[in-house]
PDB file of all heavy atoms in Angstrom:
ATOM      1  N   GLY A   1       0.784  -1.219   0.034  1.00  0.00           N
ATOM      2  CA  GLY A   1      -0.026   0.005  -0.023  1.00  0.00           C
ATOM      3  C   GLY A   1       0.789   1.324   0.039  1.00  0.00           C
ATOM      4  O   GLY A   1       0.227   2.314  -0.082  1.00  0.00           O
ATOM      5  N   GLY A   2       2.139   1.195   0.036  1.00  0.00           N
ATOM      6  CA  GLY A   2       2.974   2.408   0.016  1.00  0.00           C
ATOM      7  C   GLY A   2       2.932   3.051  -1.349  1.00  0.00           C
ATOM      8  O   GLY A   2       2.474   2.451  -2.263  1.00  0.00           O
ATOM      9  N   GLY A   3       3.414   4.202  -1.342  1.00  0.00           N
ATOM     10  CA  GLY A   3       3.488   5.005  -2.614  1.00  0.00           C
ATOM     11  C   GLY A   3       3.826   6.453  -2.425  1.00  0.00           C
ATOM     12  O   GLY A   3       4.325   6.788  -1.366  1.00  0.00           O
ATOM     13  N   LEU A   4       3.667   7.133  -3.421  1.00  0.00           N
ATOM     14  CA  LEU A   4       3.965   8.648  -3.466  1.00  0.00           C
ATOM     15  C   LEU A   4       2.604   9.374  -3.329  1.00  0.00           C
ATOM     16  O   LEU A   4       1.694   9.217  -4.092  1.00  0.00           O
ATOM     17  CB  LEU A   4       4.737   8.987  -4.776  1.00  0.00           C
ATOM     18  CG  LEU A   4       5.024  10.455  -4.993  1.00  0.00           C
ATOM     19  CD1 LEU A   4       5.889  11.062  -3.925  1.00  0.00           C
ATOM     20  CD2 LEU A   4       5.515  10.693  -6.387  1.00  0.00           C
ATOM     21  N   VAL A   5       2.583  10.309  -2.416  1.00  0.00           N
ATOM     22  CA  VAL A   5       1.475  11.188  -2.227  1.00  0.00           C
ATOM     23  C   VAL A   5       1.846  12.601  -1.815  1.00  0.00           C
ATOM     24  O   VAL A   5       2.945  12.772  -1.314  1.00  0.00           O
ATOM     25  CB  VAL A   5       0.551  10.495  -1.082  1.00  0.00           C
ATOM     26  CG1 VAL A   5       1.319  10.588   0.276  1.00  0.00           C
ATOM     27  CG2 VAL A   5      -0.732  11.253  -1.051  1.00  0.00           C
ATOM     28  N   GLN A   6       1.066  13.575  -2.192  1.00  0.00           N
ATOM     29  CA  GLN A   6       1.312  14.877  -1.855  1.00  0.00           C
ATOM     30  C   GLN A   6       0.933  15.239  -0.394  1.00  0.00           C
ATOM     31  O   GLN A   6       0.049  14.507   0.199  1.00  0.00           O
ATOM     32  CB  GLN A   6       0.472  15.917  -2.839  1.00  0.00           C
ATOM     33  CG  GLN A   6       0.847  15.825  -4.258  1.00  0.00           C
ATOM     34  CD  GLN A   6       0.186  16.836  -5.117  1.00  0.00           C
ATOM     35  OE1 GLN A   6      -0.735  17.506  -4.606  1.00  0.00           O
ATOM     36  NE2 GLN A   6       0.515  16.887  -6.330  1.00  0.00           N
ATOM     37  N   ALA A   7       1.551  16.268   0.190  1.00  0.00           N
ATOM     38  CA  ALA A   7       1.260  16.570   1.525  1.00  0.00           C
ATOM     39  C   ALA A   7      -0.215  16.957   1.663  1.00  0.00           C
ATOM     40  O   ALA A   7      -0.847  17.520   0.760  1.00  0.00           O
ATOM     41  CB  ALA A   7       2.021  17.849   1.970  1.00  0.00           C
ATOM     42  N   GLY A   8      -0.858  16.407   2.719  1.00  0.00           N
ATOM     43  CA  GLY A   8      -2.329  16.517   2.939  1.00  0.00           C
ATOM     44  C   GLY A   8      -3.121  15.324   2.426  1.00  0.00           C
ATOM     45  O   GLY A   8      -4.283  15.241   2.707  1.00  0.00           O
ATOM     46  N   GLY A   9      -2.476  14.487   1.612  1.00  0.00           N
ATOM     47  CA  GLY A   9      -3.184  13.361   1.086  1.00  0.00           C
ATOM     48  C   GLY A   9      -3.179  12.201   2.048  1.00  0.00           C
ATOM     49  O   GLY A   9      -2.783  12.216   3.234  1.00  0.00           O
ATOM     50  N   SER A  10      -3.712  11.025   1.516  1.00  0.00           N
ATOM     51  CA  SER A  10      -3.958   9.839   2.349  1.00  0.00           C
ATOM     52  C   SER A  10      -3.410   8.646   1.715  1.00  0.00           C
ATOM     53  O   SER A  10      -3.347   8.543   0.443  1.00  0.00           O
ATOM     54  CB  SER A  10      -5.455   9.644   2.665  1.00  0.00           C
ATOM     55  OG  SER A  10      -5.991  10.761   3.411  1.00  0.00           O
ATOM     56  N   LEU A  11      -3.040   7.666   2.484  1.00  0.00           N
ATOM     57  CA  LEU A  11      -2.678   6.371   2.035  1.00  0.00           C
ATOM     58  C   LEU A  11      -3.197   5.336   3.147  1.00  0.00           C
ATOM     59  O   LEU A  11      -3.271   5.625   4.262  1.00  0.00           O
ATOM     60  CB  LEU A  11      -1.145   6.208   1.925  1.00  0.00           C
ATOM     61  CG  LEU A  11      -0.502   6.830   0.629  1.00  0.00           C
ATOM     62  CD1 LEU A  11       1.061   6.634   0.781  1.00  0.00           C
ATOM     63  CD2 LEU A  11      -0.985   6.070  -0.590  1.00  0.00           C
ATOM     64  N   THR A  12      -3.413   4.114   2.749  1.00  0.00           N
ATOM     65  CA  THR A  12      -3.750   3.011   3.609  1.00  0.00           C
ATOM     66  C   THR A  12      -2.782   1.893   3.442  1.00  0.00           C
ATOM     67  O   THR A  12      -2.648   1.390   2.244  1.00  0.00           O
ATOM     68  CB  THR A  12      -5.186   2.496   3.407  1.00  0.00           C
ATOM     69  OG1 THR A  12      -6.053   3.586   3.680  1.00  0.00           O
ATOM     70  CG2 THR A  12      -5.515   1.455   4.385  1.00  0.00           C
ATOM     71  N   LEU A  13      -2.013   1.480   4.436  1.00  0.00           N
ATOM     72  CA  LEU A  13      -1.219   0.351   4.386  1.00  0.00           C
ATOM     73  C   LEU A  13      -1.777  -0.829   4.923  1.00  0.00           C
ATOM     74  O   LEU A  13      -2.606  -0.781   5.792  1.00  0.00           O
ATOM     75  CB  LEU A  13       0.084   0.723   5.118  1.00  0.00           C
ATOM     76  CG  LEU A  13       0.819   2.037   4.896  1.00  0.00           C
ATOM     77  CD1 LEU A  13       2.064   2.106   5.777  1.00  0.00           C
ATOM     78  CD2 LEU A  13       1.248   2.119   3.425  1.00  0.00           C
ATOM     79  N   SER A  14      -1.400  -2.051   4.353  1.00  0.00           N
ATOM     80  CA  SER A  14      -2.023  -3.190   4.849  1.00  0.00           C
ATOM     81  C   SER A  14      -0.797  -4.240   5.232  1.00  0.00           C
ATOM     82  O   SER A  14       0.236  -4.171   4.596  1.00  0.00           O
ATOM     83  CB  SER A  14      -2.707  -3.961   3.723  1.00  0.00           C
ATOM     84  OG  SER A  14      -3.930  -3.180   3.419  1.00  0.00           O
ATOM     85  N   CYS A  15      -0.993  -4.934   6.315  1.00  0.00           N
ATOM     86  CA  CYS A  15      -0.048  -5.948   6.741  1.00  0.00           C
ATOM     87  C   CYS A  15      -0.856  -7.280   6.726  1.00  0.00           C
ATOM     88  O   CYS A  15      -1.727  -7.490   7.530  1.00  0.00           O
ATOM     89  CB  CYS A  15       0.484  -5.618   8.142  1.00  0.00           C
ATOM     90  SG  CYS A  15       1.605  -6.878   8.848  1.00  0.00           S
ATOM     91  N   ALA A  16      -0.394  -8.189   5.900  1.00  0.00           N
ATOM     92  CA  ALA A  16      -0.907  -9.537   5.928  1.00  0.00           C
ATOM     93  C   ALA A  16       0.004 -10.475   6.513  1.00  0.00           C
ATOM     94  O   ALA A  16       1.186 -10.461   6.236  1.00  0.00           O
ATOM     95  CB  ALA A  16      -1.276  -9.915   4.462  1.00  0.00           C
ATOM     96  N   PHE A  17      -0.440 -11.288   7.392  1.00  0.00           N
ATOM     97  CA  PHE A  17       0.366 -12.219   8.133  1.00  0.00           C
ATOM     98  C   PHE A  17      -0.285 -13.673   8.229  1.00  0.00           C
ATOM     99  O   PHE A  17      -1.528 -13.742   8.261  1.00  0.00           O
ATOM    100  CB  PHE A  17       0.765 -11.789   9.449  1.00  0.00           C
ATOM    101  CG  PHE A  17      -0.372 -11.107  10.276  1.00  0.00           C
ATOM    102  CD1 PHE A  17      -1.151 -11.945  11.075  1.00  0.00           C
ATOM    103  CD2 PHE A  17      -0.637  -9.857  10.144  1.00  0.00           C
ATOM    104  CE1 PHE A  17      -2.154 -11.415  11.846  1.00  0.00           C
ATOM    105  CE2 PHE A  17      -1.663  -9.306  10.926  1.00  0.00           C
ATOM    106  CZ  PHE A  17      -2.504 -10.037  11.777  1.00  0.00           C
ATOM    107  N   SER A  18       0.562 -14.656   8.297  1.00  0.00           N
ATOM    108  CA  SER A  18      -0.015 -16.025   8.238  1.00  0.00           C
ATOM    109  C   SER A  18       1.021 -17.039   8.749  1.00  0.00           C
ATOM    110  O   SER A  18       2.222 -16.735   8.840  1.00  0.00           O
ATOM    111  CB  SER A  18      -0.513 -16.497   6.838  1.00  0.00           C
ATOM    112  OG  SER A  18       0.604 -16.525   5.965  1.00  0.00           O
ATOM    113  N   GLY A  19       0.655 -18.263   9.115  1.00  0.00           N
ATOM    114  CA  GLY A  19       1.587 -19.260   9.484  1.00  0.00           C
ATOM    115  C   GLY A  19       2.121 -19.274  10.887  1.00  0.00           C
ATOM    116  O   GLY A  19       3.143 -19.856  11.077  1.00  0.00           O
ATOM    117  N   PHE A  20       1.532 -18.510  11.877  1.00  0.00           N
ATOM    118  CA  PHE A  20       2.099 -18.388  13.124  1.00  0.00           C
ATOM    119  C   PHE A  20       1.667 -19.553  13.979  1.00  0.00           C
ATOM    120  O   PHE A  20       0.460 -20.022  14.028  1.00  0.00           O
ATOM    121  CB  PHE A  20       1.635 -17.117  13.723  1.00  0.00           C
ATOM    122  CG  PHE A  20       2.348 -15.929  13.148  1.00  0.00           C
ATOM    123  CD1 PHE A  20       1.785 -15.254  12.028  1.00  0.00           C
ATOM    124  CD2 PHE A  20       3.562 -15.445  13.748  1.00  0.00           C
ATOM    125  CE1 PHE A  20       2.520 -14.246  11.490  1.00  0.00           C
ATOM    126  CE2 PHE A  20       4.185 -14.314  13.119  1.00  0.00           C
ATOM    127  CZ  PHE A  20       3.601 -13.791  11.982  1.00  0.00           C
ATOM    128  N   ILE A  21       2.584 -20.073  14.791  1.00  0.00           N
ATOM    129  CA  ILE A  21       2.417 -21.278  15.627  1.00  0.00           C
ATOM    130  C   ILE A  21       1.742 -20.783  16.844  1.00  0.00           C
ATOM    131  O   ILE A  21       0.749 -21.432  17.309  1.00  0.00           O
ATOM    132  CB  ILE A  21       3.688 -21.932  15.945  1.00  0.00           C
ATOM    133  CG1 ILE A  21       4.349 -22.501  14.687  1.00  0.00           C
ATOM    134  CG2 ILE A  21       3.486 -23.046  16.953  1.00  0.00           C
ATOM    135  CD1 ILE A  21       5.745 -23.144  14.899  1.00  0.00           C
ATOM    136  N   PHE A  22       2.243 -19.669  17.469  1.00  0.00           N
ATOM    137  CA  PHE A  22       1.589 -19.230  18.744  1.00  0.00           C
ATOM    138  C   PHE A  22       0.576 -18.071  18.445  1.00  0.00           C
ATOM    139  O   PHE A  22       0.688 -17.404  17.368  1.00  0.00           O
ATOM    140  CB  PHE A  22       2.669 -18.676  19.698  1.00  0.00           C
ATOM    141  CG  PHE A  22       3.649 -19.730  20.162  1.00  0.00           C
ATOM    142  CD1 PHE A  22       4.866 -19.888  19.509  1.00  0.00           C
ATOM    143  CD2 PHE A  22       3.280 -20.500  21.222  1.00  0.00           C
ATOM    144  CE1 PHE A  22       5.696 -20.835  19.969  1.00  0.00           C
ATOM    145  CE2 PHE A  22       4.175 -21.504  21.657  1.00  0.00           C
ATOM    146  CZ  PHE A  22       5.385 -21.656  21.095  1.00  0.00           C
ATOM    147  N   ARG A  23      -0.334 -17.834  19.462  1.00  0.00           N
ATOM    148  CA  ARG A  23      -1.288 -16.843  19.263  1.00  0.00           C
ATOM    149  C   ARG A  23      -0.563 -15.434  19.092  1.00  0.00           C
ATOM    150  O   ARG A  23       0.373 -15.154  19.848  1.00  0.00           O
ATOM    151  CB  ARG A  23      -2.223 -16.811  20.446  1.00  0.00           C
ATOM    152  CG  ARG A  23      -3.387 -15.855  20.389  1.00  0.00           C
ATOM    153  CD  ARG A  23      -4.253 -16.017  21.463  1.00  0.00           C
ATOM    154  NE  ARG A  23      -3.689 -15.602  22.739  1.00  0.00           N
ATOM    155  CZ  ARG A  23      -4.228 -15.646  23.956  1.00  0.00           C
ATOM    156  NH1 ARG A  23      -5.422 -16.176  24.000  1.00  0.00           N
ATOM    157  NH2 ARG A  23      -3.582 -15.233  25.012  1.00  0.00           N
ATOM    158  N   ILE A  24      -1.055 -14.622  18.319  1.00  0.00           N
ATOM    159  CA  ILE A  24      -0.469 -13.250  18.188  1.00  0.00           C
ATOM    160  C   ILE A  24      -0.892 -12.380  19.340  1.00  0.00           C
ATOM    161  O   ILE A  24      -2.063 -12.342  19.763  1.00  0.00           O
ATOM    162  CB  ILE A  24      -0.962 -12.713  16.829  1.00  0.00           C
ATOM    163  CG1 ILE A  24      -0.407 -13.508  15.666  1.00  0.00           C
ATOM    164  CG2 ILE A  24      -0.584 -11.200  16.727  1.00  0.00           C
ATOM    165  CD1 ILE A  24      -0.975 -13.156  14.341  1.00  0.00           C
ATOM    166  N   HIS A  25       0.092 -11.700  19.865  1.00  0.00           N
ATOM    167  CA  HIS A  25      -0.146 -10.825  20.990  1.00  0.00           C
ATOM    168  C   HIS A  25      -0.522  -9.371  20.469  1.00  0.00           C
ATOM    169  O   HIS A  25      -1.507  -8.804  20.853  1.00  0.00           O
ATOM    170  CB  HIS A  25       1.092 -10.728  21.900  1.00  0.00           C
ATOM    171  CG  HIS A  25       0.848  -9.977  23.214  1.00  0.00           C
ATOM    172  ND1 HIS A  25       1.274  -8.679  23.316  1.00  0.00           N
ATOM    173  CD2 HIS A  25       0.230 -10.285  24.290  1.00  0.00           C
ATOM    174  CE1 HIS A  25       0.916  -8.214  24.523  1.00  0.00           C
ATOM    175  NE2 HIS A  25       0.276  -9.204  25.112  1.00  0.00           N
TER     176      HIS A  25
END
């Protein structure tokens, strides 16, 4: 979701994760 944006603009980043053995804290 990263990119180039002008000041005052908006972006939305996403973090996708998988394959974890233990519960995520």
